[in-house]
Each structure stands twice: as structure tokens, then as C-alpha cells.
N, C-alpha and C. Protein backbone atom coordinates (compact mmCIF):
# COMPACT_ATOMS: atom_id res chain seq x y z
N UNK A 1 -153.21 75.17 -49.37
CA UNK A 1 -152.20 76.19 -49.63
C UNK A 1 -151.88 76.17 -51.07
N UNK A 2 -151.84 77.29 -51.72
CA UNK A 2 -151.49 77.39 -53.16
C UNK A 2 -150.17 78.08 -53.25
N UNK A 3 -149.13 77.43 -53.84
CA UNK A 3 -147.87 77.99 -54.02
C UNK A 3 -147.03 78.13 -52.72
N UNK A 4 -145.98 78.98 -52.86
CA UNK A 4 -145.14 79.28 -51.71
C UNK A 4 -144.76 80.77 -51.73
N UNK A 5 -145.22 81.52 -50.77
CA UNK A 5 -144.98 82.94 -50.71
C UNK A 5 -145.45 83.58 -51.95
N UNK A 6 -144.50 84.22 -52.78
CA UNK A 6 -144.83 84.85 -54.01
C UNK A 6 -144.82 83.93 -55.23
N UNK A 7 -144.43 82.72 -55.03
CA UNK A 7 -144.39 81.72 -56.18
C UNK A 7 -145.67 80.99 -56.22
N UNK A 8 -146.63 81.60 -56.97
CA UNK A 8 -148.00 81.03 -57.03
C UNK A 8 -148.45 80.60 -58.39
N UNK A 9 -147.64 80.95 -59.40
CA UNK A 9 -148.06 80.57 -60.79
C UNK A 9 -146.77 80.02 -61.50
N UNK A 10 -147.00 79.29 -62.59
CA UNK A 10 -145.91 78.79 -63.37
C UNK A 10 -145.04 79.90 -63.83
N UNK A 11 -145.58 81.03 -64.19
CA UNK A 11 -144.76 82.18 -64.67
C UNK A 11 -143.84 82.68 -63.51
N UNK A 12 -144.30 82.64 -62.31
CA UNK A 12 -143.48 83.01 -61.17
C UNK A 12 -142.26 82.10 -61.05
N UNK A 13 -142.49 80.79 -61.30
CA UNK A 13 -141.38 79.86 -61.29
C UNK A 13 -140.44 80.11 -62.53
N UNK A 14 -140.96 80.57 -63.62
CA UNK A 14 -140.09 80.94 -64.68
C UNK A 14 -139.19 82.16 -64.28
N UNK A 15 -139.78 83.04 -63.57
CA UNK A 15 -138.97 84.22 -63.07
C UNK A 15 -137.87 83.76 -62.13
N UNK A 16 -138.18 82.71 -61.33
CA UNK A 16 -137.22 82.18 -60.43
C UNK A 16 -136.08 81.50 -61.20
N UNK A 17 -136.44 80.77 -62.26
CA UNK A 17 -135.46 80.19 -63.13
C UNK A 17 -134.50 81.24 -63.73
N UNK A 18 -135.09 82.36 -64.15
CA UNK A 18 -134.27 83.45 -64.70
C UNK A 18 -133.36 84.04 -63.66
N UNK A 19 -133.86 84.12 -62.42
CA UNK A 19 -133.01 84.64 -61.22
C UNK A 19 -131.87 83.68 -61.00
N UNK A 20 -132.15 82.37 -60.92
CA UNK A 20 -131.14 81.34 -60.71
C UNK A 20 -130.18 81.28 -61.85
N UNK A 21 -130.62 81.49 -63.06
CA UNK A 21 -129.76 81.57 -64.21
C UNK A 21 -128.70 82.67 -64.07
N UNK A 22 -129.18 83.85 -63.69
CA UNK A 22 -128.24 85.00 -63.50
C UNK A 22 -127.20 84.63 -62.41
N UNK A 23 -127.62 83.89 -61.40
CA UNK A 23 -126.65 83.47 -60.34
C UNK A 23 -125.60 82.53 -60.88
N UNK A 24 -126.02 81.60 -61.69
CA UNK A 24 -125.14 80.59 -62.37
C UNK A 24 -124.18 81.38 -63.23
N UNK A 25 -124.64 82.28 -64.09
CA UNK A 25 -123.78 82.97 -64.96
C UNK A 25 -122.79 83.88 -64.18
N UNK A 26 -123.22 84.41 -63.13
CA UNK A 26 -122.32 85.29 -62.29
C UNK A 26 -121.30 84.51 -61.53
N UNK A 27 -121.58 83.32 -61.16
CA UNK A 27 -120.69 82.43 -60.37
C UNK A 27 -120.79 81.00 -60.83
N UNK A 28 -120.22 80.74 -61.94
CA UNK A 28 -120.36 79.34 -62.51
C UNK A 28 -119.84 78.21 -61.76
N UNK A 29 -119.05 78.46 -60.72
CA UNK A 29 -118.54 77.34 -59.87
C UNK A 29 -119.31 77.26 -58.57
N UNK A 30 -120.37 78.05 -58.40
CA UNK A 30 -121.17 78.04 -57.22
C UNK A 30 -122.22 76.85 -57.24
N UNK A 31 -121.88 75.85 -56.51
CA UNK A 31 -122.75 74.62 -56.54
C UNK A 31 -124.06 74.85 -55.98
N UNK A 32 -124.23 75.86 -54.99
CA UNK A 32 -125.56 76.15 -54.48
C UNK A 32 -126.45 76.80 -55.59
N UNK A 33 -125.87 77.75 -56.37
CA UNK A 33 -126.63 78.35 -57.49
C UNK A 33 -126.99 77.26 -58.52
N UNK A 34 -126.06 76.38 -58.79
CA UNK A 34 -126.34 75.27 -59.80
C UNK A 34 -127.46 74.39 -59.26
N UNK A 35 -127.48 74.05 -58.00
CA UNK A 35 -128.46 73.16 -57.39
C UNK A 35 -129.81 73.80 -57.58
N UNK A 36 -129.95 75.15 -57.17
CA UNK A 36 -131.17 75.83 -57.21
C UNK A 36 -131.71 75.89 -58.64
N UNK A 37 -130.84 76.19 -59.57
CA UNK A 37 -131.20 76.25 -61.02
C UNK A 37 -131.72 74.95 -61.52
N UNK A 38 -131.04 73.88 -61.19
CA UNK A 38 -131.38 72.56 -61.71
C UNK A 38 -132.73 72.08 -61.11
N UNK A 39 -133.01 72.28 -59.84
CA UNK A 39 -134.20 71.89 -59.19
C UNK A 39 -135.38 72.69 -59.84
N UNK A 40 -135.18 73.97 -60.07
CA UNK A 40 -136.26 74.80 -60.60
C UNK A 40 -136.51 74.34 -62.06
N UNK A 41 -135.43 74.13 -62.79
CA UNK A 41 -135.56 73.76 -64.19
C UNK A 41 -136.35 72.50 -64.46
N UNK A 42 -136.11 71.53 -63.59
CA UNK A 42 -136.87 70.31 -63.75
C UNK A 42 -138.32 70.43 -63.32
N UNK A 43 -138.58 71.07 -62.13
CA UNK A 43 -139.92 71.19 -61.64
C UNK A 43 -140.83 72.11 -62.44
N UNK A 44 -140.18 72.93 -63.25
CA UNK A 44 -141.02 73.82 -64.13
C UNK A 44 -141.89 72.98 -64.99
N UNK A 45 -141.42 71.79 -65.46
CA UNK A 45 -142.22 70.89 -66.29
C UNK A 45 -143.61 70.58 -65.65
N UNK A 46 -143.55 70.28 -64.43
CA UNK A 46 -144.77 69.96 -63.63
C UNK A 46 -145.61 71.20 -63.47
N UNK A 47 -144.95 72.27 -63.22
CA UNK A 47 -145.77 73.56 -62.95
C UNK A 47 -146.43 74.05 -64.28
N UNK A 48 -145.69 73.91 -65.38
CA UNK A 48 -146.29 74.45 -66.68
C UNK A 48 -147.30 73.44 -67.20
N UNK A 49 -147.10 72.22 -66.98
CA UNK A 49 -147.99 71.15 -67.58
C UNK A 49 -148.33 70.16 -66.43
N UNK A 50 -149.06 70.64 -65.54
CA UNK A 50 -149.41 69.86 -64.28
C UNK A 50 -150.52 68.82 -64.42
N UNK A 51 -150.49 67.95 -63.45
CA UNK A 51 -151.57 67.02 -63.34
C UNK A 51 -151.71 65.97 -64.43
N UNK A 52 -152.78 65.20 -64.31
CA UNK A 52 -152.98 64.16 -65.33
C UNK A 52 -153.29 64.71 -66.70
N UNK A 53 -153.90 65.94 -66.73
CA UNK A 53 -154.18 66.56 -68.07
C UNK A 53 -152.91 67.08 -68.71
N UNK A 54 -151.83 67.28 -67.98
CA UNK A 54 -150.61 67.72 -68.62
C UNK A 54 -149.64 66.60 -68.91
N UNK A 55 -149.96 65.40 -68.52
CA UNK A 55 -149.01 64.28 -68.74
C UNK A 55 -148.55 63.99 -70.08
N UNK A 56 -149.55 64.07 -71.05
CA UNK A 56 -149.21 63.85 -72.46
C UNK A 56 -148.20 64.86 -73.01
N UNK A 57 -148.45 66.07 -72.64
CA UNK A 57 -147.57 67.16 -73.01
C UNK A 57 -146.15 67.03 -72.40
N UNK A 58 -146.13 66.74 -71.06
CA UNK A 58 -144.83 66.48 -70.35
C UNK A 58 -144.10 65.38 -71.06
N UNK A 59 -144.75 64.27 -71.35
CA UNK A 59 -144.09 63.12 -72.01
C UNK A 59 -143.58 63.49 -73.42
N UNK A 60 -144.35 64.20 -74.19
CA UNK A 60 -143.92 64.62 -75.53
C UNK A 60 -142.71 65.50 -75.50
N UNK A 61 -142.70 66.48 -74.57
CA UNK A 61 -141.59 67.36 -74.47
C UNK A 61 -140.33 66.68 -74.01
N UNK A 62 -140.48 65.73 -73.04
CA UNK A 62 -139.43 64.92 -72.53
C UNK A 62 -138.71 64.16 -73.64
N UNK A 63 -139.50 63.52 -74.52
CA UNK A 63 -139.03 62.78 -75.64
C UNK A 63 -138.32 63.67 -76.66
N UNK A 64 -138.88 64.79 -76.94
CA UNK A 64 -138.38 65.71 -78.03
C UNK A 64 -137.15 66.52 -77.58
N UNK A 65 -136.95 66.81 -76.31
CA UNK A 65 -135.92 67.64 -75.87
C UNK A 65 -135.04 67.07 -74.85
N UNK A 66 -133.91 66.46 -75.19
CA UNK A 66 -132.97 65.80 -74.35
C UNK A 66 -132.53 66.58 -73.05
N UNK A 67 -132.62 67.90 -73.17
CA UNK A 67 -132.22 68.72 -72.08
C UNK A 67 -133.11 68.42 -70.87
N UNK A 68 -134.37 68.07 -71.04
CA UNK A 68 -135.23 67.64 -69.92
C UNK A 68 -134.79 66.42 -69.26
N UNK A 69 -134.25 65.48 -69.97
CA UNK A 69 -133.72 64.26 -69.34
C UNK A 69 -132.56 64.57 -68.46
N UNK A 70 -131.68 65.50 -68.90
CA UNK A 70 -130.55 65.99 -68.10
C UNK A 70 -131.05 66.66 -66.79
N UNK A 71 -132.14 67.53 -66.98
CA UNK A 71 -132.65 68.27 -65.83
C UNK A 71 -133.13 67.24 -64.83
N UNK A 72 -133.90 66.25 -65.24
CA UNK A 72 -134.47 65.22 -64.32
C UNK A 72 -133.35 64.43 -63.62
N UNK A 73 -132.44 63.99 -64.43
CA UNK A 73 -131.38 63.13 -63.86
C UNK A 73 -130.53 63.95 -62.81
N UNK A 74 -130.18 65.15 -63.20
CA UNK A 74 -129.39 65.98 -62.29
C UNK A 74 -130.18 66.41 -61.02
N UNK A 75 -131.47 66.65 -61.25
CA UNK A 75 -132.35 67.01 -60.07
C UNK A 75 -132.42 65.89 -59.12
N UNK A 76 -132.74 64.68 -59.65
CA UNK A 76 -132.92 63.47 -58.78
C UNK A 76 -131.62 63.21 -58.14
N UNK A 77 -130.48 63.29 -58.81
CA UNK A 77 -129.14 63.02 -58.23
C UNK A 77 -128.88 64.04 -57.13
N UNK A 78 -129.22 65.26 -57.34
CA UNK A 78 -128.98 66.33 -56.40
C UNK A 78 -129.79 66.14 -55.13
N UNK A 79 -131.04 65.79 -55.32
CA UNK A 79 -131.96 65.70 -54.18
C UNK A 79 -131.77 64.36 -53.40
N UNK A 80 -131.43 63.25 -54.16
CA UNK A 80 -131.44 61.98 -53.53
C UNK A 80 -130.06 61.31 -53.57
N UNK A 81 -129.07 61.99 -54.07
CA UNK A 81 -127.69 61.56 -54.10
C UNK A 81 -127.40 60.49 -55.16
N UNK A 82 -128.38 59.68 -55.45
CA UNK A 82 -128.17 58.57 -56.47
C UNK A 82 -129.49 58.27 -57.03
N UNK A 83 -129.70 58.45 -58.32
CA UNK A 83 -130.96 58.11 -58.95
C UNK A 83 -131.04 56.55 -59.04
N UNK A 84 -132.20 56.02 -58.63
CA UNK A 84 -132.41 54.57 -58.70
C UNK A 84 -133.31 54.10 -59.83
N UNK A 85 -133.97 55.11 -60.44
CA UNK A 85 -134.83 54.75 -61.63
C UNK A 85 -133.98 54.44 -62.80
N UNK A 86 -134.12 53.27 -63.40
CA UNK A 86 -133.29 52.95 -64.59
C UNK A 86 -133.46 53.86 -65.81
N UNK A 87 -134.51 54.74 -65.80
CA UNK A 87 -134.63 55.55 -66.97
C UNK A 87 -133.67 56.76 -66.95
N UNK A 88 -133.04 56.92 -65.76
CA UNK A 88 -132.03 58.07 -65.72
C UNK A 88 -130.74 57.63 -66.30
N UNK A 89 -130.58 57.88 -67.59
CA UNK A 89 -129.46 57.50 -68.38
C UNK A 89 -128.73 58.67 -69.05
N UNK A 90 -129.02 59.92 -68.64
CA UNK A 90 -128.51 61.08 -69.33
C UNK A 90 -127.13 61.51 -68.83
N UNK A 91 -126.71 61.27 -67.60
CA UNK A 91 -125.62 61.80 -66.94
C UNK A 91 -124.71 60.63 -66.51
N UNK A 92 -123.45 60.71 -66.87
CA UNK A 92 -122.44 59.76 -66.41
C UNK A 92 -121.93 60.22 -65.00
N UNK A 93 -121.75 61.56 -64.87
CA UNK A 93 -121.29 62.07 -63.56
C UNK A 93 -121.16 63.58 -63.64
N UNK A 94 -120.79 64.15 -62.55
CA UNK A 94 -120.48 65.53 -62.42
C UNK A 94 -119.20 65.77 -61.66
N UNK A 95 -118.52 66.80 -61.97
CA UNK A 95 -117.25 67.08 -61.21
C UNK A 95 -116.94 68.54 -61.27
N UNK A 96 -116.05 68.96 -60.45
CA UNK A 96 -115.44 70.30 -60.45
C UNK A 96 -114.17 70.28 -61.21
N UNK A 97 -114.04 71.10 -62.18
CA UNK A 97 -112.82 71.25 -62.99
C UNK A 97 -112.06 72.44 -62.38
N UNK A 98 -111.09 72.13 -61.53
CA UNK A 98 -110.36 73.16 -60.85
C UNK A 98 -108.89 72.86 -60.84
N UNK A 99 -108.04 73.96 -60.89
CA UNK A 99 -106.64 73.78 -60.80
C UNK A 99 -106.19 73.31 -59.42
N UNK A 100 -106.99 73.70 -58.35
CA UNK A 100 -106.61 73.43 -56.99
C UNK A 100 -107.82 72.77 -56.27
N UNK A 101 -107.53 72.01 -55.33
CA UNK A 101 -108.64 71.45 -54.41
C UNK A 101 -109.25 72.59 -53.64
N UNK A 102 -110.52 72.44 -53.38
CA UNK A 102 -111.21 73.47 -52.63
C UNK A 102 -110.56 73.65 -51.30
N UNK A 103 -110.45 74.93 -50.85
CA UNK A 103 -109.90 75.20 -49.51
C UNK A 103 -108.37 75.36 -49.44
N UNK A 104 -107.71 75.08 -50.58
CA UNK A 104 -106.22 75.17 -50.56
C UNK A 104 -105.81 76.67 -50.39
N UNK A 105 -106.47 77.52 -51.05
CA UNK A 105 -106.20 78.95 -50.92
C UNK A 105 -107.29 79.70 -50.20
N UNK A 106 -106.95 80.69 -49.36
CA UNK A 106 -107.99 81.49 -48.69
C UNK A 106 -108.82 82.20 -49.72
N UNK A 107 -110.13 82.36 -49.44
CA UNK A 107 -111.00 83.13 -50.35
C UNK A 107 -110.45 84.50 -50.63
N UNK A 108 -110.43 84.97 -51.81
CA UNK A 108 -109.94 86.28 -52.21
C UNK A 108 -108.48 86.33 -52.43
N UNK A 109 -107.74 85.31 -52.24
CA UNK A 109 -106.28 85.28 -52.44
C UNK A 109 -105.90 85.52 -53.85
N UNK A 110 -106.69 84.99 -54.79
CA UNK A 110 -106.43 85.18 -56.21
C UNK A 110 -107.58 85.93 -56.85
N UNK A 111 -107.25 86.66 -57.87
CA UNK A 111 -108.25 87.43 -58.63
C UNK A 111 -109.23 86.45 -59.25
N UNK A 112 -110.47 86.90 -59.34
CA UNK A 112 -111.52 86.02 -59.96
C UNK A 112 -111.10 85.72 -61.37
N UNK A 113 -111.12 84.47 -61.71
CA UNK A 113 -110.76 83.95 -63.09
C UNK A 113 -109.29 83.64 -63.22
N UNK A 114 -108.45 83.83 -62.15
CA UNK A 114 -107.05 83.57 -62.31
C UNK A 114 -106.78 82.06 -62.42
N UNK A 115 -107.64 81.26 -61.82
CA UNK A 115 -107.62 79.80 -61.96
C UNK A 115 -108.86 79.27 -62.47
N UNK A 116 -108.75 78.20 -63.27
CA UNK A 116 -109.95 77.49 -63.76
C UNK A 116 -110.75 76.96 -62.55
N UNK A 117 -111.98 77.11 -62.52
CA UNK A 117 -112.85 76.54 -61.46
C UNK A 117 -114.33 76.58 -62.06
N UNK A 118 -114.73 75.37 -62.45
CA UNK A 118 -116.07 75.28 -63.00
C UNK A 118 -116.71 74.01 -62.75
N UNK A 119 -118.01 73.85 -62.86
CA UNK A 119 -118.76 72.70 -62.70
C UNK A 119 -119.02 72.08 -64.05
N UNK A 120 -118.80 70.72 -64.16
CA UNK A 120 -118.87 69.99 -65.44
C UNK A 120 -119.80 68.84 -65.25
N UNK A 121 -120.65 68.60 -66.28
CA UNK A 121 -121.53 67.51 -66.38
C UNK A 121 -121.04 66.58 -67.53
N UNK A 122 -120.74 65.37 -67.14
CA UNK A 122 -120.41 64.33 -68.16
C UNK A 122 -121.67 63.59 -68.55
N UNK A 123 -121.88 63.61 -69.92
CA UNK A 123 -123.10 63.07 -70.44
C UNK A 123 -123.03 61.60 -70.80
N UNK A 124 -124.17 60.95 -70.91
CA UNK A 124 -124.28 59.57 -71.25
C UNK A 124 -125.56 59.41 -72.12
N UNK A 125 -125.68 58.28 -72.74
CA UNK A 125 -126.83 57.89 -73.48
C UNK A 125 -127.20 58.81 -74.60
N UNK A 126 -128.43 59.05 -74.84
CA UNK A 126 -128.88 59.93 -75.93
C UNK A 126 -128.47 61.39 -75.78
N UNK A 127 -128.37 61.81 -74.54
CA UNK A 127 -127.84 63.14 -74.29
C UNK A 127 -126.42 63.30 -74.82
N UNK A 128 -125.65 62.35 -74.64
CA UNK A 128 -124.24 62.40 -75.17
C UNK A 128 -124.28 62.41 -76.69
N UNK A 129 -125.13 61.62 -77.26
CA UNK A 129 -125.21 61.51 -78.74
C UNK A 129 -125.59 62.93 -79.31
N UNK A 130 -126.46 63.56 -78.63
CA UNK A 130 -126.98 64.83 -79.22
C UNK A 130 -126.16 66.05 -78.71
N UNK A 131 -125.60 66.02 -77.58
CA UNK A 131 -124.97 67.21 -76.97
C UNK A 131 -123.49 67.13 -76.81
N UNK A 132 -122.89 65.90 -77.00
CA UNK A 132 -121.44 65.75 -76.86
C UNK A 132 -121.10 65.08 -75.50
N UNK A 133 -119.84 64.98 -75.21
CA UNK A 133 -119.31 64.29 -74.06
C UNK A 133 -119.60 64.95 -72.75
N UNK A 134 -119.52 66.31 -72.72
CA UNK A 134 -119.75 67.08 -71.49
C UNK A 134 -120.18 68.48 -71.80
N UNK A 135 -120.79 69.05 -70.70
CA UNK A 135 -121.23 70.44 -70.72
C UNK A 135 -120.72 71.07 -69.49
N UNK A 136 -120.34 72.33 -69.55
CA UNK A 136 -120.07 73.12 -68.35
C UNK A 136 -121.43 73.47 -67.74
N UNK A 137 -121.48 73.88 -66.58
CA UNK A 137 -122.73 74.30 -65.95
C UNK A 137 -123.29 75.45 -66.74
N UNK A 138 -122.43 76.33 -67.18
CA UNK A 138 -122.94 77.51 -67.95
C UNK A 138 -123.57 77.14 -69.29
N UNK A 139 -122.92 76.16 -69.96
CA UNK A 139 -123.49 75.66 -71.20
C UNK A 139 -124.78 74.96 -70.96
N UNK A 140 -124.89 74.28 -69.91
CA UNK A 140 -126.10 73.53 -69.57
C UNK A 140 -127.25 74.50 -69.27
N UNK A 141 -126.92 75.51 -68.48
CA UNK A 141 -127.89 76.60 -68.05
C UNK A 141 -128.39 77.34 -69.32
N UNK A 142 -127.48 77.60 -70.26
CA UNK A 142 -127.88 78.32 -71.52
C UNK A 142 -128.92 77.42 -72.30
N UNK A 143 -128.60 76.15 -72.40
CA UNK A 143 -129.59 75.24 -73.14
C UNK A 143 -130.90 75.20 -72.43
N UNK A 144 -130.93 75.11 -71.06
CA UNK A 144 -132.17 75.09 -70.37
C UNK A 144 -132.96 76.34 -70.50
N UNK A 145 -132.34 77.41 -70.39
CA UNK A 145 -133.12 78.73 -70.52
C UNK A 145 -133.61 78.91 -71.99
N UNK A 146 -132.83 78.45 -72.95
CA UNK A 146 -133.26 78.55 -74.35
C UNK A 146 -134.50 77.67 -74.51
N UNK A 147 -134.51 76.47 -73.89
CA UNK A 147 -135.71 75.59 -73.99
C UNK A 147 -136.90 76.25 -73.35
N UNK A 148 -136.72 76.73 -72.07
CA UNK A 148 -137.81 77.23 -71.33
C UNK A 148 -138.43 78.53 -71.93
N UNK A 149 -137.57 79.34 -72.48
CA UNK A 149 -138.09 80.53 -73.19
C UNK A 149 -138.44 80.40 -74.59
N UNK A 150 -138.35 79.16 -75.05
CA UNK A 150 -138.81 78.77 -76.42
C UNK A 150 -139.95 77.80 -76.32
N UNK A 151 -139.74 76.54 -76.67
CA UNK A 151 -140.84 75.56 -76.64
C UNK A 151 -141.40 75.29 -75.28
N UNK A 152 -140.68 75.60 -74.23
CA UNK A 152 -141.07 75.41 -72.85
C UNK A 152 -142.22 76.31 -72.40
N UNK A 153 -142.33 77.48 -73.06
CA UNK A 153 -143.46 78.34 -72.81
C UNK A 153 -143.35 79.39 -71.74
N UNK A 154 -142.13 79.57 -71.21
CA UNK A 154 -141.97 80.72 -70.23
C UNK A 154 -142.07 82.06 -70.94
N UNK A 155 -142.62 83.08 -70.26
CA UNK A 155 -142.65 84.37 -70.90
C UNK A 155 -141.28 85.04 -70.92
N UNK A 156 -141.22 86.19 -71.48
CA UNK A 156 -139.90 86.89 -71.57
C UNK A 156 -139.31 87.03 -70.15
N UNK A 157 -137.97 87.18 -70.12
CA UNK A 157 -137.31 87.26 -68.84
C UNK A 157 -137.80 88.38 -68.02
N UNK A 158 -138.03 88.01 -66.72
CA UNK A 158 -138.47 89.01 -65.73
C UNK A 158 -137.36 89.24 -64.76
N UNK A 159 -137.09 90.47 -64.40
CA UNK A 159 -136.03 90.84 -63.48
C UNK A 159 -136.63 90.77 -62.09
N UNK A 160 -136.62 89.56 -61.50
CA UNK A 160 -137.22 89.42 -60.14
C UNK A 160 -136.12 89.07 -59.21
N UNK A 161 -136.14 89.72 -57.99
CA UNK A 161 -135.11 89.45 -57.02
C UNK A 161 -135.51 88.32 -56.04
N UNK A 162 -136.79 87.87 -56.05
CA UNK A 162 -137.16 86.86 -55.12
C UNK A 162 -137.71 87.52 -53.90
N UNK A 163 -137.54 88.83 -53.71
CA UNK A 163 -138.09 89.52 -52.54
C UNK A 163 -139.32 90.27 -52.85
N UNK A 164 -139.49 90.68 -54.10
CA UNK A 164 -140.76 91.33 -54.49
C UNK A 164 -141.00 91.07 -55.93
N UNK A 165 -142.15 90.30 -56.18
CA UNK A 165 -142.41 89.87 -57.55
C UNK A 165 -143.09 90.94 -58.36
């Protein structure tokens, strides 16, 4: 089997990243959109530079661009709840910055944006030295997309819905 449904090339996964990015920007407190974006952002490295022949390129990009360390650490944390590999030193933690606990108010009770509600990544290690103490999910997504559409090698943004490539 090659790929999954319409996701059969690395460029298709780039289009998925763009789709997930638009979801994050539209709803920055949506943890499901954040999860999808993070998983895609990390695995793009393997899709664009796959196999043993791509390992040197993956390693070089990983060293040069701290945002990839963040992608990996967040991806592994999201999929496995706790990274056990000692190389994961980019993230101190994640939290929801919100004026109220989830579920206190009924959905739609307040106008969108009336209360602060966002996802925040606390940085550690070299990521903290380069990028600061923390990033909002939106800031992180902006950095990731800038990387993938620059040195990461994704083509220009494609408007794909996921239902017809």
C-alpha cells in the first residue's frame, strides 16, 4: 500500500499541513486541530527526506532548525503522553491559558474572543535559548509553516479540503 487515500506524496502531506494550519489559526484553542498540525509537521520530515538515503538531510535540518526539535518533542508527547527518549529536551510543558476552566460556561454563552483561551508551549533547552520562554500555539504554527515553506521544501500553499486533492 502506498500512502493513505489521497495522501500519496510528500507534497500531499504539505497540503495537509496547510489545511491543519488554517484550522489552528481559525481556532487557536482547539486541541484537536493543534494535535493534527503537530503530528503532520513532525512526520513531514520523514516524508520529504525518507529512508536511509534521507537520514543525513533529516539530521542536518534537525540540528539547524530548533523548531523541528519542538515538533518531535510535542508529537511524541501527544502520541505517547510522555517522551522517554532523553534527547527530547525542547519542551518543559504545555498548558491552556484560559480565564475559566473548561466547561464552566455553556458553549456559545460568550462571544468569541471575550475571554482569553489559548494553547501555550513552555520551552526548554536550546529551543528556549533561541525562541524564548514560551510560544502560543499560533506562534508555533507560524514558525513551523515558515520552516516547511522555506528550507523544509514544501511547495506554495495549496487550498485542499482533504476531501478532494
